[in-house]
Every structure is written in C-alpha cells, then in structure tokens.
Amino acid sequence: MSVIDVPEALFILVTPENLKAELTQLKYLVYWAPVTPVAAVSLFESKFMNHPLVLQYAMRVLNHYPVDLVFFYVPQIVQALRYDKLGYVRQYILTTARTSQLFAHQIIWNMKANMYRDEESTIVSAFCPRRPTY
C-alpha cells in the first residue's frame, strides 16, 4: 500500500507467480498510479494470464492518457490483440477509434500490415481468423 503512488513498483507486485497465487495485495491495482502507455500495453501479454485486475488496471491507464499520446503505441496495441481473450484491447480500440479518425486509420493500417505471420502471406495471424476479401 505504501508504494501505490510509484508506477515503477507495479512490476514488483504484478508477476506471473503472484498472479498464479492470487495474492491479496493485487486488490491495490485499483488505486495504483498509472504507468507509461507502453508498460500498460505490455500487461496484455500472455505471461500476465489475462488476470482481470491487471487487465482493468491496463485499461484504466490507457484511458488516462490522451489519444494523441497513445497513438504512438498503435503497433503494440495491435500486437496485444493476439492475447486478448477477454476483449479488453478490442473494446479499447473500438472506443478510442470513435474519438479519433487518425487513431482508427492507424489501427486499420497496422492490422492489415500484421494480418500474416510470414513474409509470403500464407500463415494468417491469430487475430485474423480467415483470409481477407477485397
């Protein structure tokens, strides 16, 4: 509780081991100071096991920053879709795209650029389950 105003201390508390053990101190994420946007996006990685408190914290942090700042992290946000089992990243993209056409354009462009996992465009990415039709 004494370090909730220190964003850098978050990753001492939020570890795969603590998440697996369902540490009671995880409840302090509700009050934790916001980390940087790129650190918030990293919380969507699979090593954090889609823990609801961690995902809610990451969403709160992303919503804390203006779209103009988060705009620079669009590639990381698109990559976070790969691990988005509960739909938090998807919801953030849809909500934010309604407020910024530039953000929406960057998301679409990045999703098209990351549609395939290989150079020959044969292996479809996880967040694009079927081959696109143009």
Protein backbone atom coordinates (compact mmCIF):
# COMPACT_ATOMS: atom_id res chain seq x y z
CA MET A 1 0.00 0.00 0.00
CA SER A 2 2.88 2.36 0.73
CA VAL A 3 4.14 2.29 -2.90
CA ILE A 4 0.92 2.62 -4.90
CA ASP A 5 1.99 6.11 -5.94
CA VAL A 6 5.19 4.71 -7.52
CA PRO A 7 4.31 3.41 -11.00
CA GLU A 8 7.65 1.62 -11.41
CA ALA A 9 6.89 -0.60 -8.39
CA LEU A 10 3.96 -2.17 -10.22
CA PHE A 11 6.08 -4.88 -11.80
CA ILE A 12 7.34 -5.98 -8.39
CA LEU A 13 3.75 -6.81 -7.45
CA VAL A 14 2.46 -7.98 -10.84
CA THR A 15 4.48 -11.09 -11.59
CA PRO A 16 3.28 -14.40 -13.03
CA GLU A 17 3.99 -16.06 -9.69
CA ASN A 18 1.89 -13.54 -7.73
CA LEU A 19 -0.93 -13.75 -10.26
CA LYS A 20 -0.97 -17.53 -10.10
CA ALA A 21 -1.03 -17.39 -6.28
CA GLU A 22 -3.90 -14.85 -6.38
CA LEU A 23 -2.02 -12.57 -3.99
CA THR A 24 -4.44 -10.47 -1.93
CA GLN A 25 -2.32 -7.34 -2.50
CA LEU A 26 -3.40 -7.36 -6.15
CA LYS A 27 -6.52 -5.53 -4.99
CA TYR A 28 -4.35 -2.39 -4.74
CA LEU A 29 -4.17 -2.22 -8.53
CA VAL A 30 -7.45 -0.32 -8.35
CA TYR A 31 -5.57 2.58 -6.74
CA TRP A 32 -2.13 2.21 -8.33
CA ALA A 33 -0.54 5.20 -10.09
CA PRO A 34 -0.54 4.96 -13.89
CA VAL A 35 2.49 3.51 -15.64
CA THR A 36 3.53 4.60 -19.14
CA PRO A 37 1.25 3.63 -22.05
CA VAL A 38 3.75 1.11 -23.41
CA ALA A 39 4.02 -0.54 -19.97
CA ALA A 40 0.21 -0.69 -19.82
CA VAL A 41 0.06 -2.39 -23.22
CA SER A 42 2.64 -4.93 -22.05
CA LEU A 43 0.20 -6.02 -19.34
CA PHE A 44 -1.92 -7.64 -22.07
CA GLU A 45 0.84 -10.20 -22.77
CA SER A 46 0.11 -13.85 -22.12
CA LYS A 47 2.56 -14.05 -19.19
CA PHE A 48 0.06 -11.98 -17.15
CA MET A 49 -2.56 -14.71 -17.72
CA ASN A 50 -5.41 -12.33 -18.61
CA HIS A 51 -5.85 -11.61 -14.92
CA PRO A 52 -8.97 -9.41 -14.58
CA LEU A 53 -7.44 -6.92 -12.13
CA VAL A 54 -4.36 -6.48 -14.29
CA LEU A 55 -6.45 -6.00 -17.43
CA GLN A 56 -8.70 -3.48 -15.71
CA TYR A 57 -5.64 -1.58 -14.50
CA ALA A 58 -4.15 -1.56 -18.01
CA MET A 59 -7.42 -0.24 -19.44
CA ARG A 60 -7.62 2.48 -16.79
CA VAL A 61 -4.07 3.56 -17.59
CA LEU A 62 -4.66 3.64 -21.35
CA ASN A 63 -7.83 5.68 -20.85
CA HIS A 64 -5.87 8.03 -18.55
CA TYR A 65 -3.66 9.23 -21.42
CA PRO A 66 -4.85 11.36 -24.36
CA VAL A 67 -5.30 9.63 -27.72
CA ASP A 68 -2.52 11.77 -29.19
CA LEU A 69 0.00 10.13 -26.86
CA VAL A 70 -1.33 6.57 -27.12
CA PHE A 71 -1.28 6.96 -30.91
CA PHE A 72 2.47 6.25 -30.91
CA TYR A 73 1.83 2.80 -29.41
CA VAL A 74 -0.66 1.58 -32.03
CA PRO A 75 1.66 -1.24 -33.24
CA GLN A 76 1.94 -2.60 -29.69
CA ILE A 77 -1.83 -2.30 -29.20
CA VAL A 78 -2.45 -4.26 -32.40
CA GLN A 79 0.01 -6.92 -31.26
CA ALA A 80 -1.81 -7.09 -27.90
CA LEU A 81 -4.88 -8.32 -29.79
CA ARG A 82 -3.13 -11.68 -30.08
CA TYR A 83 -3.53 -12.27 -26.33
CA ASP A 84 -6.86 -10.51 -25.85
CA LYS A 85 -9.02 -13.41 -24.71
CA LEU A 86 -11.47 -11.26 -22.72
CA GLY A 87 -11.90 -8.45 -25.27
CA TYR A 88 -10.35 -5.57 -23.32
CA VAL A 89 -8.00 -4.49 -26.13
CA ARG A 90 -10.75 -4.83 -28.69
CA GLN A 91 -13.04 -2.65 -26.59
CA TYR A 92 -10.31 -0.05 -26.12
CA ILE A 93 -9.67 0.09 -29.88
CA LEU A 94 -13.36 0.48 -30.71
CA THR A 95 -13.94 3.15 -28.07
CA THR A 96 -10.83 5.15 -28.95
CA ALA A 97 -11.39 4.88 -32.70
CA ARG A 98 -14.74 6.64 -32.22
CA THR A 99 -12.95 9.68 -30.83
CA SER A 100 -10.05 9.89 -33.30
CA GLN A 101 -10.19 9.19 -37.03
CA LEU A 102 -6.41 9.26 -37.17
CA PHE A 103 -6.20 6.57 -34.48
CA ALA A 104 -8.80 4.47 -36.35
CA HIS A 105 -6.81 4.81 -39.59
CA GLN A 106 -3.57 3.76 -37.86
CA ILE A 107 -5.28 0.74 -36.27
CA ILE A 108 -6.69 -0.40 -39.64
CA TRP A 109 -3.35 0.09 -41.37
CA ASN A 110 -1.46 -1.80 -38.67
CA MET A 111 -3.96 -4.65 -38.63
CA LYS A 112 -3.60 -5.05 -42.39
CA ALA A 113 0.18 -4.91 -42.08
CA ASN A 114 0.12 -7.59 -39.36
CA MET A 115 -2.50 -9.80 -41.00
CA TYR A 116 0.04 -12.52 -41.80
CA ARG A 117 2.82 -14.03 -39.71
CA ASP A 118 5.13 -14.88 -42.60
CA GLU A 119 6.71 -12.98 -45.49
CA GLU A 120 4.84 -14.98 -48.17
CA SER A 121 1.42 -14.00 -46.72
CA THR A 122 0.27 -17.59 -46.27
CA ILE A 123 0.04 -18.01 -42.48
CA VAL A 124 -2.85 -15.93 -41.17
CA SER A 125 -2.31 -14.15 -37.85
CA ALA A 126 -4.21 -15.13 -34.70
CA PHE A 127 -6.45 -12.05 -34.69
CA CYS A 128 -7.42 -12.54 -38.34
CA PRO A 129 -9.10 -15.97 -38.43
CA ARG A 130 -9.94 -16.00 -42.15
CA ARG A 131 -8.36 -14.79 -45.34
CA PRO A 132 -9.47 -11.22 -46.16
CA THR A 133 -11.52 -10.48 -49.24
CA TYR A 134 -11.05 -7.21 -51.04
